[in-house]
N, C-alpha and C. Protein backbone atom coordinates (compact mmCIF):
# COMPACT_ATOMS: atom_id res chain seq x y z
N MET A 1 108.91 86.42 85.49
CA MET A 1 107.55 86.27 84.23
C MET A 1 106.12 86.00 84.97
N ALA A 2 105.31 86.74 85.06
CA ALA A 2 104.20 86.31 86.09
C ALA A 2 103.19 85.21 85.09
N LEU A 3 102.69 84.20 85.23
CA LEU A 3 101.68 83.42 84.86
C LEU A 3 100.23 84.25 85.33
N LEU A 4 99.41 84.10 84.42
CA LEU A 4 98.31 84.97 84.72
C LEU A 4 97.19 83.95 84.53
N HIS A 5 95.94 83.94 84.94
CA HIS A 5 94.70 82.99 85.34
C HIS A 5 93.55 83.92 84.82
N ARG A 6 93.05 83.25 84.01
CA ARG A 6 91.63 83.92 83.98
C ARG A 6 90.24 83.07 84.83
N ALA A 7 90.66 83.67 86.39
CA ALA A 7 89.74 83.16 87.18
C ALA A 7 89.31 84.24 87.74
N GLU A 8 88.33 83.37 88.60
CA GLU A 8 87.35 84.38 89.39
C GLU A 8 87.79 84.21 91.23
N LEU A 9 87.87 85.50 91.64
CA LEU A 9 87.98 85.38 93.17
C LEU A 9 87.17 86.08 94.13
N ARG A 10 86.66 85.11 94.79
CA ARG A 10 85.19 85.40 96.13
C ARG A 10 86.17 85.49 97.48
N PRO A 11 85.99 86.78 97.77
CA PRO A 11 85.96 87.87 97.71
C PRO A 11 86.79 88.38 96.57
N SER A 12 86.79 89.74 95.54
CA SER A 12 87.69 90.15 94.97
C SER A 12 88.62 90.94 95.93
N LYS A 13 89.73 91.09 94.79
CA LYS A 13 90.85 91.97 95.26
C LYS A 13 90.28 93.32 95.82
N LEU A 14 89.49 93.84 95.14
CA LEU A 14 88.91 95.33 95.28
C LEU A 14 87.81 95.17 96.42
N ASP A 15 87.42 93.74 96.65
CA ASP A 15 86.54 94.14 98.08
C ASP A 15 87.16 93.68 99.37
N LEU A 16 88.38 93.10 99.33
CA LEU A 16 89.19 92.93 100.17
C LEU A 16 89.98 94.04 100.66
N LEU A 17 90.49 95.07 99.42
CA LEU A 17 90.85 96.44 99.76
C LEU A 17 90.26 97.57 100.14
N ALA A 18 88.92 97.22 100.01
CA ALA A 18 87.58 98.11 100.99
C ALA A 18 87.46 98.15 102.06
N ALA A 19 87.34 97.11 102.54
CA ALA A 19 87.00 96.06 104.05
C ALA A 19 87.90 96.56 104.59
N TRP A 20 89.54 96.94 104.22
CA TRP A 20 90.69 97.28 104.98
C TRP A 20 91.48 98.48 104.68
N LEU A 21 91.30 98.92 103.78
CA LEU A 21 91.84 100.20 103.66
C LEU A 21 91.49 101.32 104.40
N PRO A 22 90.54 101.90 105.00
CA PRO A 22 89.85 102.66 105.82
C PRO A 22 90.70 102.45 107.01
N GLY A 23 91.47 101.10 107.67
CA GLY A 23 91.90 100.66 108.80
C GLY A 23 93.19 101.79 108.84
N ARG A 24 94.16 101.70 107.41
CA ARG A 24 95.52 101.84 107.63
C ARG A 24 95.44 103.39 108.18
N PRO A 25 96.75 103.75 108.46
CA PRO A 25 97.31 104.99 109.36
C PRO A 25 97.23 106.14 107.76
N TRP A 26 97.38 105.78 106.72
CA TRP A 26 97.51 106.42 105.47
C TRP A 26 96.54 106.40 104.80
N PHE A 27 95.12 106.11 105.38
CA PHE A 27 93.57 106.17 103.99
C PHE A 27 94.01 107.08 104.03
N ALA A 28 93.12 107.67 102.61
CA ALA A 28 92.42 108.77 102.54
C ALA A 28 91.51 108.61 101.40
N GLY A 29 90.55 109.00 101.48
CA GLY A 29 88.98 108.81 101.19
C GLY A 29 87.97 108.84 101.76
N THR A 30 86.94 108.42 101.46
CA THR A 30 85.84 108.26 101.89
C THR A 30 85.68 106.65 102.54
N SER A 31 85.71 106.70 103.81
CA SER A 31 85.15 105.09 104.14
C SER A 31 83.94 104.62 103.80
N GLY A 32 83.78 103.53 103.17
CA GLY A 32 82.53 102.68 102.97
C GLY A 32 82.59 102.91 101.14
N ALA A 33 83.00 104.19 100.34
CA ALA A 33 82.98 104.47 98.73
C ALA A 33 83.89 103.28 98.33
N GLU A 34 83.25 103.27 97.09
CA GLU A 34 83.68 102.11 95.96
C GLU A 34 85.29 102.61 95.80
N VAL A 35 86.15 101.25 95.91
CA VAL A 35 87.34 101.16 95.77
C VAL A 35 87.65 100.73 93.92
N THR A 36 88.09 101.51 93.33
CA THR A 36 88.74 101.39 92.25
C THR A 36 90.00 101.03 91.33
N ARG A 37 90.59 100.26 90.87
CA ARG A 37 91.74 100.37 90.11
C ARG A 37 92.30 101.43 89.18
N VAL A 38 93.72 101.86 89.28
CA VAL A 38 93.80 102.73 88.80
C VAL A 38 95.02 101.92 87.75
N ALA A 39 95.68 100.83 88.03
CA ALA A 39 96.75 100.09 87.42
C ALA A 39 97.44 99.87 88.37
N ALA A 40 98.58 98.59 87.61
CA ALA A 40 99.10 97.98 88.75
C ALA A 40 100.11 97.13 88.26
N TYR A 41 101.73 96.91 88.77
CA TYR A 41 102.31 96.33 88.54
C TYR A 41 102.73 94.58 89.01
N ARG A 42 103.75 93.86 88.69
CA ARG A 42 104.14 92.99 89.51
C ARG A 42 105.58 92.67 89.71
N PHE A 43 105.96 91.81 90.66
CA PHE A 43 107.30 91.48 90.53
C PHE A 43 107.46 90.09 90.53
N ASP A 44 108.70 89.73 89.97
CA ASP A 44 108.65 88.20 90.22
C ASP A 44 109.41 87.23 91.72
N ASP A 45 108.54 86.31 92.10
CA ASP A 45 108.85 85.85 93.44
C ASP A 45 110.01 84.86 92.68
N PRO A 46 111.50 84.95 92.95
CA PRO A 46 112.42 83.80 92.25
C PRO A 46 111.97 82.56 92.82
N ALA A 47 111.58 82.25 93.31
CA ALA A 47 111.19 80.50 94.39
C ALA A 47 109.52 80.45 92.98
N GLY A 48 108.94 81.37 92.67
CA GLY A 48 107.86 80.82 91.76
C GLY A 48 106.63 80.81 92.96
N GLU A 49 106.80 80.45 94.23
CA GLU A 49 105.93 80.35 95.01
C GLU A 49 104.60 81.63 95.17
N VAL A 50 105.29 82.98 95.77
CA VAL A 50 104.29 83.71 95.61
C VAL A 50 104.20 84.87 95.17
N GLY A 51 102.73 85.25 94.37
CA GLY A 51 102.51 86.10 93.99
C GLY A 51 102.47 87.78 94.59
N ILE A 52 103.49 88.38 93.66
CA ILE A 52 103.59 89.57 93.77
C ILE A 52 103.49 91.06 93.43
N GLU A 53 102.16 91.47 93.59
CA GLU A 53 101.43 92.42 92.53
C GLU A 53 101.20 93.55 93.76
N THR A 54 101.62 94.91 92.81
CA THR A 54 101.18 96.41 93.63
C THR A 54 100.10 96.67 93.08
N ILE A 55 98.83 96.97 93.71
CA ILE A 55 97.76 97.87 92.87
C ILE A 55 97.58 99.03 93.27
N LEU A 56 97.33 99.94 92.53
CA LEU A 56 96.78 101.63 92.65
C LEU A 56 95.53 101.56 92.39
N VAL A 57 95.30 102.50 93.77
CA VAL A 57 93.46 102.50 93.52
C VAL A 57 93.26 104.01 94.30
N ARG A 58 91.92 103.99 93.89
CA ARG A 58 91.22 105.29 94.40
C ARG A 58 89.91 104.60 95.94
N ALA A 59 89.89 104.95 96.41
CA ALA A 59 88.62 105.29 97.41
C ALA A 59 87.75 106.51 97.52
N GLY A 60 86.50 106.11 96.31
CA GLY A 60 85.59 107.46 95.85
C GLY A 60 86.41 108.39 95.61
N ASP A 61 86.67 109.59 95.88
CA ASP A 61 87.26 110.49 94.98
C ASP A 61 88.60 111.01 95.92
N GLY A 62 89.28 109.94 96.68
CA GLY A 62 90.27 110.23 97.50
C GLY A 62 91.31 110.17 96.20
N PRO A 63 92.84 110.15 96.79
CA PRO A 63 93.47 110.16 96.29
C PRO A 63 94.24 109.03 95.52
N VAL A 64 95.10 108.94 94.50
CA VAL A 64 95.71 107.64 94.27
C VAL A 64 96.00 106.78 95.76
N LEU A 65 96.10 105.91 95.94
CA LEU A 65 96.44 105.05 96.76
C LEU A 65 97.36 103.39 96.58
N GLN A 66 98.54 103.47 96.90
CA GLN A 66 99.42 102.25 96.41
C GLN A 66 99.93 100.91 97.52
N VAL A 67 98.98 99.92 97.02
CA VAL A 67 99.12 99.05 97.94
C VAL A 67 99.74 97.62 97.30
N PRO A 68 100.93 97.36 98.18
CA PRO A 68 101.58 95.81 97.54
C PRO A 68 100.97 95.05 98.23
N LEU A 69 100.83 93.52 97.60
CA LEU A 69 99.92 92.45 98.03
C LEU A 69 101.15 91.29 97.56
N THR A 70 101.30 90.24 98.54
CA THR A 70 101.39 89.02 98.19
C THR A 70 100.12 88.10 98.21
N TYR A 71 100.37 87.29 97.53
CA TYR A 71 99.03 86.14 97.51
C TYR A 71 99.89 84.46 97.91
N ARG A 72 99.31 84.12 98.84
CA ARG A 72 99.85 82.98 99.34
C ARG A 72 99.03 81.65 99.35
N GLY A 73 100.01 80.37 98.92
CA GLY A 73 98.47 78.79 99.22
C GLY A 73 98.26 78.67 100.31
N ALA A 74 99.55 79.20 101.48
CA ALA A 74 99.19 79.00 102.96
C ALA A 74 99.52 80.08 103.94
N PRO A 75 99.07 80.19 104.46
CA PRO A 75 98.94 80.81 105.79
C PRO A 75 100.82 81.39 106.13
N LEU A 76 101.14 82.62 106.23
CA LEU A 76 102.63 83.11 106.32
C LEU A 76 102.50 83.21 108.05
N ALA A 77 103.56 82.40 108.53
CA ALA A 77 103.63 82.58 110.14
C ALA A 77 103.94 84.02 110.71
N GLY A 78 103.42 84.93 111.33
CA GLY A 78 103.81 85.23 112.14
C GLY A 78 103.98 86.77 111.39
N ALA A 79 102.88 86.62 110.44
CA ALA A 79 102.33 87.86 109.17
C ALA A 79 100.55 88.24 109.61
N GLU A 80 100.12 87.69 110.94
CA GLU A 80 99.25 88.13 111.30
C GLU A 80 98.65 89.26 111.19
N PRO A 81 99.45 90.35 111.16
CA PRO A 81 99.24 91.85 111.56
C PRO A 81 99.03 92.42 109.73
N TRP A 82 99.78 91.57 109.26
CA TRP A 82 99.71 92.35 107.55
C TRP A 82 98.53 91.75 106.48
N LEU A 83 97.67 90.47 107.34
CA LEU A 83 96.59 89.93 106.21
C LEU A 83 96.00 91.13 106.13
N LEU A 84 95.09 91.06 104.96
CA LEU A 84 93.83 91.42 104.66
C LEU A 84 92.88 90.31 104.55
N GLY A 85 92.96 89.06 104.27
CA GLY A 85 91.68 88.23 104.33
C GLY A 85 92.15 87.13 103.70
N THR A 86 91.21 86.11 103.30
CA THR A 86 91.71 85.19 102.67
C THR A 86 90.53 85.06 101.03
N THR A 87 90.73 85.00 99.84
CA THR A 87 89.95 84.45 98.81
C THR A 87 90.15 83.21 97.91
N ASP A 88 88.88 83.13 97.77
CA ASP A 88 89.30 81.89 96.67
C ASP A 88 89.43 82.02 95.15
N HIS A 89 90.05 81.34 94.73
CA HIS A 89 90.72 81.63 93.85
C HIS A 89 90.28 80.33 92.35
N SER A 90 89.58 80.39 91.76
CA SER A 90 88.66 79.78 91.21
C SER A 90 89.49 78.43 90.16
N ALA A 91 90.53 79.01 90.37
CA ALA A 91 91.76 77.84 89.42
C ALA A 91 93.31 77.42 90.63
N LEU A 92 93.15 78.12 91.42
CA LEU A 92 94.41 77.84 92.51
C LEU A 92 94.15 77.73 93.78
N GLY A 93 92.62 77.77 93.85
CA GLY A 93 92.34 77.61 95.35
C GLY A 93 92.24 78.77 96.37
N PRO A 94 92.55 78.06 97.46
CA PRO A 94 92.64 79.62 98.40
C PRO A 94 93.71 79.92 98.77
N ARG A 95 93.19 81.45 99.02
CA ARG A 95 95.01 82.44 99.09
C ARG A 95 94.96 83.38 99.95
N TRP A 96 95.83 83.39 100.38
CA TRP A 96 95.71 84.24 101.96
C TRP A 96 96.29 85.35 100.82
N VAL A 97 95.43 86.65 101.20
CA VAL A 97 96.61 87.89 100.58
C VAL A 97 96.90 88.79 101.73
N TYR A 98 98.27 89.34 101.43
CA TYR A 98 98.90 90.54 102.97
C TYR A 98 99.27 91.50 102.22
N ASP A 99 99.53 92.30 103.25
CA ASP A 99 99.96 93.83 102.54
C ASP A 99 101.48 93.00 102.65
N ALA A 100 102.10 93.45 101.55
CA ALA A 100 103.54 92.80 101.43
C ALA A 100 104.71 93.33 101.87
N CYS A 101 104.70 94.74 102.49
CA CYS A 101 105.38 94.98 103.07
C CYS A 101 106.27 94.28 104.39
N GLY A 102 104.48 93.14 104.88
CA GLY A 102 105.07 92.53 106.08
C GLY A 102 105.70 90.99 105.34
N ASP A 103 105.38 90.92 104.22
CA ASP A 103 106.03 89.63 103.96
C ASP A 103 107.89 89.41 103.33
N PRO A 104 108.10 88.60 103.62
CA PRO A 104 109.98 88.83 103.16
C PRO A 104 110.10 89.17 102.33
N VAL A 105 109.32 88.49 101.07
CA VAL A 105 109.59 87.97 99.87
C VAL A 105 109.46 89.32 98.85
N TYR A 106 108.88 90.19 99.48
CA TYR A 106 108.76 91.69 98.63
C TYR A 106 109.87 92.92 99.03
N PRO A 107 110.62 92.84 100.15
CA PRO A 107 111.59 94.15 99.96
C PRO A 107 112.65 93.63 99.49
N PRO A 108 113.02 92.19 99.08
CA PRO A 108 114.31 92.37 98.13
C PRO A 108 113.82 92.68 96.68
N ALA A 109 112.34 92.28 96.14
CA ALA A 109 111.84 92.50 94.77
C ALA A 109 111.56 93.91 94.31
N LEU A 110 111.06 94.81 95.98
CA LEU A 110 111.15 96.56 95.50
C LEU A 110 112.49 96.84 95.27
N ALA A 111 113.58 96.25 96.42
CA ALA A 111 114.92 96.84 96.13
C ALA A 111 115.70 96.74 94.78
N ALA A 112 115.43 95.32 94.10
CA ALA A 112 115.58 95.38 92.89
C ALA A 112 115.32 96.23 91.96
N ALA A 113 113.92 96.52 91.86
CA ALA A 113 113.33 97.68 91.15
C ALA A 113 113.88 98.83 91.58
N VAL A 114 114.44 99.34 93.17
CA VAL A 114 114.71 100.64 93.01
C VAL A 114 116.12 100.94 92.82
N LEU A 115 116.94 99.47 92.91
CA LEU A 115 118.24 99.89 93.24
C LEU A 115 119.13 99.70 91.60
N ALA A 116 118.16 98.52 91.08
CA ALA A 116 119.15 98.16 90.20
C ALA A 116 118.01 97.69 88.73
N ASP A 117 117.08 98.72 89.21
CA ASP A 117 116.37 98.73 87.86
C ASP A 117 115.62 97.61 87.36
N ALA A 118 115.51 96.31 88.07
CA ALA A 118 114.77 95.54 87.62
C ALA A 118 114.01 95.48 86.58
N GLY A 119 112.91 96.62 86.85
CA GLY A 119 111.78 96.53 86.15
C GLY A 119 110.97 95.74 87.02
N GLN A 120 109.82 95.40 86.12
CA GLN A 120 108.43 94.79 86.59
C GLN A 120 108.24 93.81 85.82
N ALA A 121 107.70 92.28 86.69
CA ALA A 121 107.70 91.18 86.00
C ALA A 121 106.61 91.65 84.26
N GLU A 122 107.06 90.61 83.09
CA GLU A 122 106.00 90.46 82.28
C GLU A 122 104.79 89.42 82.37
N GLU A 123 104.05 90.03 82.52
CA GLU A 123 102.45 88.95 82.77
C GLU A 123 102.21 88.30 81.56
N TYR A 124 101.99 87.38 81.65
CA TYR A 124 100.98 86.42 80.30
C TYR A 124 99.94 85.41 80.78
N PHE A 125 99.46 84.79 79.63
CA PHE A 125 98.16 83.95 79.77
C PHE A 125 99.00 82.55 78.66
N GLU A 126 98.65 81.39 79.24
CA GLU A 126 98.77 80.38 78.38
C GLU A 126 97.66 79.98 77.47
N VAL A 127 97.60 80.22 76.22
CA VAL A 127 95.98 79.64 75.38
C VAL A 127 96.81 78.81 74.54
N ASP A 128 96.15 78.21 74.43
CA ASP A 128 96.26 76.74 73.70
C ASP A 128 97.34 76.49 73.30
N GLY A 129 98.29 76.66 74.62
CA GLY A 129 99.45 76.14 74.70
C GLY A 129 100.71 76.93 73.63
N ARG A 130 99.86 78.33 74.35
CA ARG A 130 100.79 79.67 73.31
C ARG A 130 101.01 80.51 74.35
N ARG A 131 101.39 81.43 74.47
CA ARG A 131 101.99 82.32 75.83
C ARG A 131 101.57 83.49 74.76
N GLU A 132 100.47 83.96 75.89
CA GLU A 132 99.93 86.02 75.60
C GLU A 132 100.39 86.74 76.76
N VAL A 133 101.03 87.33 76.27
CA VAL A 133 101.88 88.62 76.59
C VAL A 133 101.03 89.59 76.81
N ARG A 134 100.70 90.34 78.19
CA ARG A 134 99.76 91.00 78.36
C ARG A 134 100.69 92.54 78.57
N ALA A 135 99.85 93.81 77.78
CA ALA A 135 101.07 94.70 77.96
C ALA A 135 100.42 95.12 79.70
N PRO A 136 101.82 95.78 79.75
CA PRO A 136 101.95 96.77 80.94
C PRO A 136 100.94 97.69 81.43
N SER A 137 100.34 98.08 82.23
CA SER A 137 99.13 98.82 82.76
C SER A 137 99.79 100.04 83.85
N MET A 138 101.50 100.13 83.80
CA MET A 138 101.89 101.54 83.83
C MET A 138 103.53 100.85 83.23
N MET A 139 104.26 102.12 83.25
CA MET A 139 105.75 102.03 82.82
C MET A 139 106.62 102.37 84.25
N LEU A 140 107.61 101.51 85.05
CA LEU A 140 108.51 101.79 85.78
C LEU A 140 109.72 102.32 85.56
N ALA A 141 110.75 103.23 86.19
CA ALA A 141 112.32 103.50 86.14
C ALA A 141 112.32 103.49 87.27
N GLY A 142 113.58 103.18 87.70
CA GLY A 142 114.46 102.97 88.71
C GLY A 142 115.63 103.35 88.72
N THR A 143 116.79 103.16 89.19
CA THR A 143 117.99 103.31 89.31
C THR A 143 118.92 102.27 89.66
N ARG A 144 120.21 102.65 89.25
CA ARG A 144 121.02 101.83 89.44
C ARG A 144 122.61 102.66 90.37
N SER A 145 122.25 102.22 91.54
CA SER A 145 122.59 102.93 92.44
C SER A 145 123.01 102.08 93.97
N GLY A 146 122.98 100.94 94.08
CA GLY A 146 123.13 100.22 95.33
C GLY A 146 122.76 98.13 94.90
N SER A 147 123.26 97.86 95.99
CA SER A 147 122.81 96.66 96.06
C SER A 147 121.56 96.30 96.68
N PRO A 148 120.64 95.57 96.27
CA PRO A 148 119.65 94.95 96.69
C PRO A 148 119.89 93.85 97.91
N SER A 149 120.92 93.50 97.95
CA SER A 149 120.85 92.17 98.78
C SER A 149 120.98 92.70 99.95
N ALA A 150 120.94 94.00 100.38
CA ALA A 150 121.21 94.49 101.71
C ALA A 150 119.89 94.22 102.59
N PHE A 151 118.52 93.90 101.69
CA PHE A 151 117.19 93.81 102.07
C PHE A 151 116.42 92.52 102.29
N ASP A 152 117.97 91.33 102.08
CA ASP A 152 117.31 89.67 102.16
C ASP A 152 116.82 89.51 103.81
N LEU A 153 117.22 90.50 104.45
CA LEU A 153 116.91 90.15 105.94
C LEU A 153 116.40 91.61 106.62
N ILE A 154 115.08 91.63 106.93
CA ILE A 154 114.56 93.10 107.39
C ILE A 154 114.59 92.90 108.92
N ASP A 155 115.27 93.64 109.76
CA ASP A 155 114.59 94.66 110.69
C ASP A 155 113.63 94.56 111.30
N GLU A 156 112.72 95.44 110.53
CA GLU A 156 111.79 96.44 111.28
C GLU A 156 110.81 97.05 109.99
N VAL A 157 109.76 96.94 109.96
CA VAL A 157 108.91 97.69 109.23
C VAL A 157 107.59 98.64 109.93
N VAL A 158 107.73 99.70 109.50
CA VAL A 158 107.14 100.73 109.92
C VAL A 158 105.83 101.25 108.85
N ASP A 159 104.73 100.87 109.81
CA ASP A 159 103.34 101.53 108.83
C ASP A 159 102.94 102.58 109.07
N GLY A 160 103.11 103.32 107.89
CA GLY A 160 102.82 104.79 107.70
C GLY A 160 102.63 105.27 106.16
N ASP A 161 103.09 106.77 105.88
CA ASP A 161 103.20 107.02 104.30
C ASP A 161 104.62 108.24 104.43
N PRO A 162 105.54 107.79 104.60
CA PRO A 162 105.71 106.35 103.57
C PRO A 162 105.83 104.93 104.55
N THR A 163 105.85 103.79 104.05
CA THR A 163 105.89 102.81 105.25
C THR A 163 107.46 102.23 104.57
N LEU A 164 108.00 102.36 105.82
CA LEU A 164 109.56 101.99 105.95
C LEU A 164 110.02 100.44 106.39
N ILE A 165 110.99 100.39 105.23
CA ILE A 165 110.80 98.60 105.68
C ILE A 165 112.58 99.09 105.71
N ARG A 166 113.38 98.49 106.93
CA ARG A 166 114.65 98.38 107.34
C ARG A 166 115.64 97.48 107.72
N ALA A 167 116.99 97.84 107.42
CA ALA A 167 117.62 96.24 107.66
C ALA A 167 118.98 96.76 107.47
N GLY A 168 119.47 96.82 108.81
CA GLY A 168 120.84 96.82 108.88
C GLY A 168 120.95 98.64 109.15
N GLY A 169 121.78 99.05 108.43
CA GLY A 169 121.64 100.59 108.39
C GLY A 169 121.01 100.99 106.78
N ALA A 170 120.28 100.47 106.16
CA ALA A 170 119.51 100.79 104.85
C ALA A 170 117.91 101.19 105.17
N GLU A 171 117.43 101.64 104.52
CA GLU A 171 115.95 101.43 104.48
C GLU A 171 115.18 102.06 103.22
N LEU A 172 113.98 101.15 102.56
CA LEU A 172 113.42 101.27 101.81
C LEU A 172 112.35 101.91 101.97
N ALA A 173 111.72 102.95 101.12
CA ALA A 173 110.36 103.84 101.56
C ALA A 173 109.51 103.22 100.67
N LEU A 174 108.24 102.93 100.90
CA LEU A 174 107.38 102.82 100.36
C LEU A 174 106.13 103.97 100.49
N VAL A 175 105.89 104.65 99.19
CA VAL A 175 104.95 105.88 99.22
C VAL A 175 103.68 105.58 98.76
N ARG A 176 102.83 106.05 99.84
CA ARG A 176 101.51 105.08 99.96
C ARG A 176 100.16 106.31 98.94
N ARG A 177 100.76 107.40 99.00
CA ARG A 177 100.20 107.94 98.10
C ARG A 177 100.62 108.77 97.04
N PRO A 178 101.31 108.08 95.85
CA PRO A 178 102.50 108.46 95.24
C PRO A 178 101.49 109.70 94.22
N ALA A 179 102.65 110.82 94.15
CA ALA A 179 102.48 112.04 93.43
C ALA A 179 103.84 112.14 93.00
N PRO A 180 103.86 113.18 92.24
CA PRO A 180 104.87 113.51 91.39
C PRO A 180 105.63 114.54 92.21
N GLY A 181 107.17 114.35 92.05
CA GLY A 181 108.06 115.13 93.19
C GLY A 181 109.41 114.46 93.47
N ASP A 182 110.11 115.42 93.69
CA ASP A 182 111.50 114.57 94.00
C ASP A 182 111.71 113.71 95.17
N ALA A 183 112.62 112.46 95.02
CA ALA A 183 112.54 111.90 96.18
C ALA A 183 113.56 112.56 97.29
N PRO A 184 113.68 112.20 98.40
CA PRO A 184 114.36 112.81 99.58
C PRO A 184 115.91 112.01 99.01
N ALA A 185 116.24 110.86 98.21
CA ALA A 185 117.19 110.32 98.00
C ALA A 185 117.40 109.79 96.62
N PRO A 186 118.76 109.49 95.74
CA PRO A 186 119.18 109.57 94.72
C PRO A 186 118.15 108.57 94.17
N ALA A 187 118.10 107.03 95.37
CA ALA A 187 117.43 105.93 94.67
C ALA A 187 116.28 105.50 94.78
N ARG A 188 115.49 105.66 93.58
CA ARG A 188 114.08 106.00 93.36
C ARG A 188 113.70 104.80 92.70
N LEU A 189 112.26 104.76 93.00
CA LEU A 189 111.42 104.25 91.85
C LEU A 189 110.04 105.52 91.25
N THR A 190 110.08 104.90 89.90
CA THR A 190 109.30 105.62 89.71
C THR A 190 108.19 105.42 88.84
N GLY A 191 106.64 105.80 88.30
CA GLY A 191 105.80 105.30 87.47
C GLY A 191 105.17 105.83 87.02
N ALA A 192 104.83 105.97 86.06
CA ALA A 192 103.36 106.50 84.55
C ALA A 192 102.53 105.44 84.35
N TRP A 193 101.22 106.15 84.23
CA TRP A 193 100.56 105.04 83.64
C TRP A 193 99.49 106.10 82.61
N ALA A 194 98.61 105.69 82.01
CA ALA A 194 97.97 106.41 80.92
C ALA A 194 96.48 107.42 82.29
N GLY A 195 96.40 108.73 81.69
CA GLY A 195 96.17 109.53 82.29
C GLY A 195 97.21 110.33 83.44
N GLN A 196 98.43 110.03 83.73
CA GLN A 196 99.46 110.49 85.00
C GLN A 196 100.74 110.07 83.81
N ALA A 197 100.72 111.14 82.65
CA ALA A 197 101.67 111.24 81.92
C ALA A 197 103.04 111.83 83.03
N ASP A 198 102.91 112.77 83.70
CA ASP A 198 104.28 112.94 84.95
C ASP A 198 104.36 111.76 85.49
N PRO A 199 105.65 111.36 85.77
CA PRO A 199 106.02 109.99 86.66
C PRO A 199 105.80 110.52 87.90
N VAL A 200 105.04 109.55 88.74
CA VAL A 200 105.12 109.37 90.36
C VAL A 200 105.93 108.95 91.15
N LEU A 201 106.69 109.29 92.44
CA LEU A 201 107.16 108.62 92.90
C LEU A 201 106.65 107.34 93.96
N LEU A 202 107.12 106.64 93.59
CA LEU A 202 106.64 105.17 94.18
C LEU A 202 107.37 104.68 95.57
N ALA A 203 108.26 104.83 95.39
CA ALA A 203 109.55 104.15 96.75
C ALA A 203 110.64 104.95 96.40
N TYR A 204 111.75 104.71 97.91
CA TYR A 204 113.00 104.73 97.41
C TYR A 204 113.55 103.89 98.44
N ALA A 205 115.08 104.54 98.23
CA ALA A 205 116.43 104.43 99.26
C ALA A 205 116.84 105.09 99.81
N ARG A 206 117.46 104.90 101.06
CA ARG A 206 118.69 105.63 101.66
C ARG A 206 119.05 104.91 102.77
């Protein structure tokens, strides 16, 4: 479950993405164009220390882009190439924002969704001591076709579309420009949202 805060972020997530996205090899859109949110989903960090959120965005009139992010309360050693930047969270203080593909908490969470149909984290606010659940902005569907534990230790991450996360002889592929279509492997994660009734391919494992 993901506890949300009614907080202000400076700079905002979309501001960070607007500056970072044009430098990615898989970016499609107009550099300098407004970045808008399409939908999002979260995974749980079992330790409860790291926020894990995947945001689907557009840059101007470009296609939908998928960007998984992690939010940390301190820098992650050795992860500088994956750092989008820092933001000041009005409730939690400084947060370091990373492309989640380079953060060790993310591959096991993605693998659980792809290989064990673990789904997404339930999002909620605490309101006067009550838990107020926020409806998800998209629906996910995974498969039950393997063991997520294969991705507890990562050997290599190759940025691109898809971004490849390799562990031993296994590979997770995160689709950066998701669209409807068949996966190259049976184990897959698909998603749909308002205005996108046909599920799109988000990730797969092989």
